[in-house]
Every structure is written in structure tokens, then in C-alpha cells.
Amino acid sequence: MKDFDPVSGATDDDLAAKITRLEEIILDLNHVVVAFSGGADSAFVAAMAHRLLGTEHAHAVTAVSPSLAGEEETDCRRLAEEWGLRWTPVQTAEMERAAYRANDVDRCYHCKAELMDVVGPIAELERAAVVLGVNVDDLADHRPGQRAALERGAVFPLVQAGFTKKDVRRASLVMGLRTWDKPAAACLASRVPYGTPVSVDILSRVDRAESALHGLGFRQVRVRHYGETARIEVEQSVLDQAIANRVAIIEAVKDAGYRYVTLDLEGFRSGNLNGAIADSSSSAH
């Protein structure tokens, strides 16, 4: 019986086979532009591409806009320096798209469409494929951005190689990448309930509030925006810590521009605002 890895949920042979398959896919692509957000998935893909193809054939590109947390842009720059990546930050203008600002259930489609419109020409100039760090687990969630990317020719090597999120983290740990346990950090607009228009002011407020909470020691955190109210999500294991630090949390979040501060006792749930989509779909039947 093969050794079972509690981190990845796979045997060593399973993971090794997936890594080999991923290497084959990247080598076959030969020249790639990686959409590099700095998260565990895109960082893993960028690192793999760099190691396999070198700086001449692997280019990491980070989309910079009000929807990207300032801390994430900084970390992308640091990772590129640490790993020797060829890295370019590019400005995207999803906020200029009325359909994106309207924040309906397809908001992510318009964001990825903008990303591809900006990154696509870079890849075309370099005769490269645009690759995204989408993993198998992502396919089960409501993520219309994947459709926009695929329609515009993007490639999802992690999906092709069968990588789950846990596989990515385990493989990253094996490679010595510090991003192996990096908390998920989705686009700031994901903190705004569908139907509430997205604005630069709202995104900036969320960014300041979450940055302040990171400064208080909370690694995995979401500040959900409800007008003057901030609904904070932290991992269930640190709810007691959050309550014990309520005074500092209240001060930090109010300083970011909120009037009321609440703590979600269910704790952090990635993409939990997508639950509204399922609820509306159920009520329609």
C-alpha cells in the first residue's frame, strides 16, 4: 500500500503522476503567459512554468486594478523577485465596464473578459498561451470567469492534470514554495453581495479593513460589505480570538470607513455569497 498524504488526500504515486502530467502539459505548451494573482494556484503554475521553460518562455503577468488587494500586488512583486520570474504588472479596467460595476451573478465573467483582453495581446505578441491557475475544485463553484477565459483561448493546466486544491498545496510544499499554505484571497469585489453596485470606494474600504485585520494577526479573513455594516468572517478556530480582540477589531474596521461591525459566527466560508444564487434558483422551482 502506498503512503497516504493527509495534506493532499492522495498517495505519493498519485501526486507524482499528476506532477509529471502537469510538466508534460507545460512543456508541450512551450511558451506561456501565466495570469499571476499571487495565490497558491497561480503561484504554483508560475513557479512550475519558470522552472521548466525559463524566463524566456515563461512570463508571469499580474492584473492590477482596484479589485486586487494592495497586499496581494506587493506579494506578487516579492514572489517574482524571490523566484526570479519574468514578471509584469498590467493595469486592467474592469471598473470601466458597466456590466462589471452592476455586480450581477455574472460579474466574474466581465472581470476575466477584461483580463483576457489585456493579457491576450501580450501572449499573442510572444506567441504564447495564456494559462490560468484554475484547479479541479474550482469547477464545482459558480465561477463564470472560467467561461470567459476559455472562450478567449485560455488554458487550465491544473485541471488538465487533475490537480485539486489540496494537490496544489502539497506539491507546492514539496517544491519549497512559501505559497503552499497561503490563505485564499479572491478578488475584493467578491465581498460585495450580488446586486449591490461595485465602486472604487467600496473596494478600497474593504481592502483597508482586511489589511488592518491581517495586521491584528488574522490570516484568513473576509470583510463582507453591507453598506455601513461590515460582516467579518474569520476561521472558526480563531473566533474566540476575534471576540477577545473585539475592541481592536471594531476600531480598525471603523477606521476603514464602516459604521457598524459584526462578526459572522459561522466563520470563514470561501465564496459563500454564491449561496444566494442557489437560494434564488431553488425558490424559482
Protein backbone atom coordinates (compact mmCIF):
# COMPACT_ATOMS: atom_id res chain seq x y z
CA MET A 1 0.00 0.00 0.00
CA LYS A 2 1.33 3.40 -0.96
CA ASP A 3 1.95 6.11 1.64
CA PHE A 4 -1.12 8.29 2.08
CA ASP A 5 -0.61 12.04 2.37
CA PRO A 6 -3.10 13.70 4.78
CA VAL A 7 -2.40 17.12 3.25
CA SER A 8 -3.18 16.30 -0.37
CA GLY A 9 -5.52 13.39 0.26
CA ALA A 10 -3.55 11.36 -2.27
CA THR A 11 -0.86 8.71 -2.32
CA ASP A 12 2.66 9.76 -3.20
CA ASP A 13 2.30 7.96 -6.53
CA ASP A 14 -0.97 9.78 -7.29
CA LEU A 15 0.62 13.17 -6.72
CA ALA A 16 3.79 12.26 -8.58
CA ALA A 17 1.72 11.19 -11.58
CA LYS A 18 -0.16 14.48 -11.57
CA ILE A 19 3.06 16.47 -11.34
CA THR A 20 4.51 14.50 -14.26
CA ARG A 21 1.37 15.15 -16.29
CA LEU A 22 1.50 18.86 -15.47
CA GLU A 23 5.12 19.03 -16.55
CA GLU A 24 4.22 17.38 -19.86
CA ILE A 25 1.39 19.87 -20.45
CA ILE A 26 3.56 22.91 -19.72
CA LEU A 27 6.46 21.62 -21.81
CA ASP A 28 4.05 20.92 -24.66
CA LEU A 29 2.72 24.49 -24.48
CA ASN A 30 6.37 25.59 -24.77
CA HIS A 31 5.69 29.31 -24.26
CA VAL A 32 3.23 30.62 -21.65
CA VAL A 33 1.92 33.81 -20.11
CA VAL A 34 0.65 32.99 -16.60
CA ALA A 35 -2.14 35.09 -15.09
CA PHE A 36 -0.38 35.52 -11.75
CA SER A 37 -2.51 36.71 -8.84
CA GLY A 38 -0.05 35.53 -6.19
CA GLY A 39 -2.42 32.93 -4.76
CA ALA A 40 -1.37 29.33 -4.16
CA ASP A 41 -2.67 28.08 -7.52
CA SER A 42 -1.29 30.72 -9.89
CA ALA A 43 1.96 30.87 -7.92
CA PHE A 44 2.41 27.12 -8.31
CA VAL A 45 1.76 27.31 -12.05
CA ALA A 46 4.10 30.30 -12.44
CA ALA A 47 6.87 28.56 -10.50
CA MET A 48 6.48 25.34 -12.47
CA ALA A 49 6.48 27.19 -15.80
CA HIS A 50 9.58 29.15 -14.80
CA ARG A 51 11.47 26.03 -13.75
CA LEU A 52 10.51 24.11 -16.89
CA LEU A 53 10.64 26.83 -19.55
CA GLY A 54 12.88 29.54 -18.11
CA THR A 55 12.35 33.28 -18.21
CA GLU A 56 12.46 33.45 -21.99
CA HIS A 57 9.40 31.22 -22.40
CA ALA A 58 7.52 31.81 -19.12
CA HIS A 59 6.07 35.23 -18.35
CA ALA A 60 4.04 35.97 -15.20
CA VAL A 61 1.58 38.82 -15.58
CA THR A 62 -0.41 40.37 -12.73
CA ALA A 63 -3.62 42.29 -13.40
CA VAL A 64 -3.60 45.41 -11.22
CA SER A 65 -6.87 47.22 -10.50
CA PRO A 66 -8.99 48.39 -7.55
CA SER A 67 -10.29 44.81 -7.22
CA LEU A 68 -6.80 43.50 -6.34
CA ALA A 69 -5.84 43.92 -2.70
CA GLY A 70 -2.78 46.09 -2.26
CA GLU A 71 -1.10 43.41 -0.16
CA GLU A 72 -1.54 40.91 -2.99
CA GLU A 73 0.11 43.17 -5.56
CA THR A 74 3.03 43.67 -3.19
CA ASP A 75 3.37 39.93 -2.62
CA CYS A 76 3.32 39.23 -6.37
CA ARG A 77 6.26 41.58 -6.74
CA ARG A 78 8.10 39.92 -3.86
CA LEU A 79 7.48 36.41 -5.18
CA ALA A 80 8.71 37.40 -8.62
CA GLU A 81 11.90 38.75 -7.08
CA GLU A 82 12.40 35.71 -4.81
CA TRP A 83 11.84 33.18 -7.60
CA GLY A 84 13.48 35.12 -10.43
CA LEU A 85 10.30 35.23 -12.51
CA ARG A 86 9.90 37.42 -15.54
CA TRP A 87 7.05 39.47 -14.17
CA THR A 88 4.95 42.32 -15.46
CA PRO A 89 2.14 44.17 -13.67
CA VAL A 90 -0.54 45.39 -16.10
CA GLN A 91 -3.47 47.71 -15.49
CA THR A 92 -6.92 46.28 -16.15
CA ALA A 93 -10.05 48.41 -16.41
CA GLU A 94 -12.94 46.20 -15.36
CA MET A 95 -14.32 49.14 -13.35
CA GLU A 96 -14.97 50.88 -16.65
CA ARG A 97 -17.33 48.08 -17.68
CA ALA A 98 -20.91 48.86 -16.67
CA ALA A 99 -21.76 45.15 -16.56
CA TYR A 100 -18.97 44.57 -14.02
CA ARG A 101 -19.99 47.51 -11.83
CA ALA A 102 -23.60 46.32 -11.83
CA ASN A 103 -22.39 43.25 -9.91
CA ASP A 104 -24.89 40.67 -11.10
CA VAL A 105 -24.20 36.94 -10.82
CA ASP A 106 -22.00 37.08 -13.93
CA ARG A 107 -19.67 39.80 -12.61
CA CYS A 108 -16.67 37.45 -12.75
CA TYR A 109 -17.31 36.86 -16.45
CA HIS A 110 -16.75 40.53 -17.22
CA CYS A 111 -13.66 40.65 -15.00
CA LYS A 112 -12.00 37.70 -16.75
CA ALA A 113 -13.03 39.09 -20.14
CA GLU A 114 -11.13 42.28 -19.26
CA LEU A 115 -8.16 40.24 -18.04
CA MET A 116 -8.01 38.31 -21.31
CA ASP A 117 -8.40 41.50 -23.35
CA VAL A 118 -5.29 42.88 -21.64
CA VAL A 119 -3.18 39.73 -21.27
CA GLY A 120 -4.21 38.20 -24.59
CA PRO A 121 -2.29 40.69 -26.76
CA ILE A 122 0.84 40.15 -24.63
CA ALA A 123 0.59 36.42 -25.22
CA GLU A 124 -0.11 36.92 -28.92
CA LEU A 125 2.98 39.10 -29.27
CA GLU A 126 5.06 36.40 -27.60
CA ARG A 127 3.29 33.56 -29.45
CA ALA A 128 2.39 32.13 -26.07
CA ALA A 129 -0.65 30.51 -24.46
CA VAL A 130 -2.44 32.28 -21.61
CA VAL A 131 -2.63 29.90 -18.65
CA LEU A 132 -4.71 30.31 -15.50
CA GLY A 133 -4.35 28.60 -12.12
CA VAL A 134 -7.82 27.06 -12.12
CA ASN A 135 -7.95 23.71 -10.30
CA VAL A 136 -10.47 20.86 -10.37
CA ASP A 137 -12.24 22.04 -7.20
CA ASP A 138 -12.93 25.42 -8.81
CA LEU A 139 -15.12 23.76 -11.42
CA ALA A 140 -17.74 22.93 -8.80
CA ASP A 141 -18.32 26.56 -7.76
CA HIS A 142 -20.15 29.35 -9.58
CA ARG A 143 -17.27 30.94 -11.47
CA PRO A 144 -18.41 32.38 -14.80
CA GLY A 145 -14.97 33.90 -15.26
CA GLN A 146 -13.74 30.46 -16.29
CA ARG A 147 -16.14 30.53 -19.25
CA ALA A 148 -14.90 33.97 -20.32
CA ALA A 149 -11.29 32.78 -20.17
CA LEU A 150 -11.95 29.58 -22.11
CA GLU A 151 -13.92 31.45 -24.77
CA ARG A 152 -10.83 33.59 -25.32
CA GLY A 153 -8.44 30.68 -25.59
CA ALA A 154 -7.02 30.35 -22.06
CA VAL A 155 -5.62 27.02 -20.89
CA PHE A 156 -6.14 25.44 -17.44
CA PRO A 157 -3.15 23.09 -16.98
CA LEU A 158 -4.03 22.20 -13.39
CA VAL A 159 -7.44 20.97 -14.48
CA GLN A 160 -5.93 19.00 -17.35
CA ALA A 161 -3.52 17.34 -14.93
CA GLY A 162 -6.25 16.62 -12.36
CA PHE A 163 -4.97 18.87 -9.55
CA THR A 164 -7.27 19.61 -6.63
CA LYS A 165 -6.55 22.50 -4.26
CA LYS A 166 -5.01 20.07 -1.78
CA ASP A 167 -2.78 18.66 -4.52
CA VAL A 168 -1.57 22.17 -5.33
CA ARG A 169 -0.71 22.86 -1.70
CA ARG A 170 1.10 19.55 -1.24
CA ALA A 171 3.07 19.88 -4.47
CA SER A 172 3.96 23.47 -3.56
CA LEU A 173 5.20 22.29 -0.17
CA VAL A 174 7.34 19.62 -1.84
CA MET A 175 8.80 22.29 -4.15
CA GLY A 176 9.57 24.55 -1.20
CA LEU A 177 7.20 27.32 -2.28
CA ARG A 178 6.15 29.57 0.61
CA THR A 179 2.74 29.95 -1.00
CA TRP A 180 1.82 26.34 -0.18
CA ASP A 181 -0.35 27.37 2.77
CA LYS A 182 -1.21 30.90 1.67
CA PRO A 183 -4.83 31.74 2.55
CA ALA A 184 -7.23 32.12 -0.35
CA ALA A 185 -7.56 35.76 -1.42
CA ALA A 186 -10.28 36.26 -4.01
CA CYS A 187 -11.00 39.50 -5.87
CA LEU A 188 -12.20 42.22 -3.50
CA ALA A 189 -15.48 42.52 -5.40
CA SER A 190 -16.39 39.06 -4.09
CA ARG A 191 -17.02 40.74 -0.71
CA VAL A 192 -19.95 42.70 -2.17
CA PRO A 193 -23.34 40.92 -2.36
CA TYR A 194 -24.72 40.44 -5.86
CA GLY A 195 -26.98 43.33 -6.82
CA THR A 196 -25.02 45.91 -4.85
CA PRO A 197 -23.10 48.05 -7.38
CA VAL A 198 -19.32 47.84 -7.07
CA SER A 199 -17.35 51.07 -6.73
CA VAL A 200 -13.73 52.01 -6.16
CA ASP A 201 -14.71 53.47 -2.78
CA ILE A 202 -16.28 50.20 -1.63
CA LEU A 203 -13.33 48.11 -2.79
CA SER A 204 -10.91 50.49 -1.09
CA ARG A 205 -12.88 50.30 2.15
CA VAL A 206 -12.85 46.50 2.10
CA ASP A 207 -9.15 46.46 1.29
CA ARG A 208 -8.29 48.77 4.19
CA ALA A 209 -10.42 46.80 6.63
CA GLU A 210 -8.98 43.41 5.66
CA SER A 211 -5.42 44.74 5.68
CA ALA A 212 -5.98 46.05 9.21
CA LEU A 213 -7.33 42.67 10.35
CA HIS A 214 -4.31 40.93 8.84
CA GLY A 215 -2.23 43.32 10.91
CA LEU A 216 -4.07 42.09 14.01
CA GLY A 217 -2.98 38.53 13.27
CA PHE A 218 -5.94 37.09 11.34
CA ARG A 219 -4.54 35.32 8.24
CA GLN A 220 -7.77 34.10 6.66
CA VAL A 221 -10.36 36.85 6.77
CA ARG A 222 -13.21 38.33 4.74
CA VAL A 223 -14.93 41.66 5.25
CA ARG A 224 -18.33 41.37 3.59
CA HIS A 225 -19.72 44.76 2.60
CA TYR A 226 -23.32 45.67 3.53
CA GLY A 227 -23.49 49.44 3.21
CA GLU A 228 -22.38 50.92 6.51
CA THR A 229 -22.05 47.46 8.02
CA ALA A 230 -19.03 45.18 7.76
CA ARG A 231 -19.66 41.47 8.34
CA ILE A 232 -16.38 39.85 9.32
CA GLU A 233 -15.54 36.22 8.66
CA VAL A 234 -12.54 34.54 10.28
CA GLU A 235 -11.79 30.85 10.62
CA GLN A 236 -13.87 29.09 13.27
CA SER A 237 -10.73 28.12 15.14
CA VAL A 238 -9.98 31.80 15.89
CA LEU A 239 -13.50 33.05 16.67
CA ASP A 240 -12.59 33.21 20.37
CA GLN A 241 -9.52 35.24 19.48
CA ALA A 242 -11.66 37.63 17.44
CA ILE A 243 -14.10 38.13 20.30
CA ALA A 244 -11.23 38.67 22.73
CA ASN A 245 -9.85 41.34 20.39
CA ARG A 246 -13.22 42.95 19.67
CA VAL A 247 -12.15 46.44 20.69
CA ALA A 248 -9.15 46.49 18.34
CA ILE A 249 -11.21 44.95 15.53
CA ILE A 250 -14.00 47.48 15.90
CA GLU A 251 -11.55 50.35 15.86
CA ALA A 252 -9.69 49.03 12.83
CA VAL A 253 -12.81 48.38 10.74
CA LYS A 254 -14.42 51.70 11.67
CA ASP A 255 -11.19 53.45 10.71
CA ALA A 256 -11.59 51.82 7.29
CA GLY A 257 -14.93 53.60 6.85
CA TYR A 258 -17.63 51.36 8.34
CA ARG A 259 -20.14 52.46 10.95
CA TYR A 260 -21.21 49.03 12.23
CA VAL A 261 -19.02 45.96 12.77
CA THR A 262 -20.40 42.42 13.04
CA LEU A 263 -18.75 39.01 13.42
CA ASP A 264 -20.18 36.05 11.50
CA LEU A 265 -20.34 33.18 13.98
CA GLU A 266 -20.39 30.61 11.17
CA GLY A 267 -16.83 31.61 10.38
CA PHE A 268 -14.98 31.92 7.08
CA ARG A 269 -16.55 30.28 4.01
CA SER A 270 -14.89 30.81 0.65
CA GLY A 271 -17.39 32.09 -1.92
CA ASN A 272 -20.29 31.94 0.50
CA LEU A 273 -22.08 34.84 -1.21
CA ASN A 274 -22.66 32.40 -4.06
CA GLY A 275 -25.19 30.76 -1.77
CA ALA A 276 -27.61 33.49 -2.79
CA ILE A 277 -27.52 32.12 -6.34
CA ALA A 278 -28.50 28.62 -5.17
CA ASP A 279 -31.24 30.05 -2.93
CA SER A 280 -32.77 32.10 -5.75
CA SER A 281 -32.53 29.13 -8.10
CA SER A 282 -34.31 26.87 -5.60
CA SER A 283 -37.10 29.36 -4.97
CA ALA A 284 -37.66 29.64 -8.72
CA HIS A 285 -38.62 25.95 -8.97
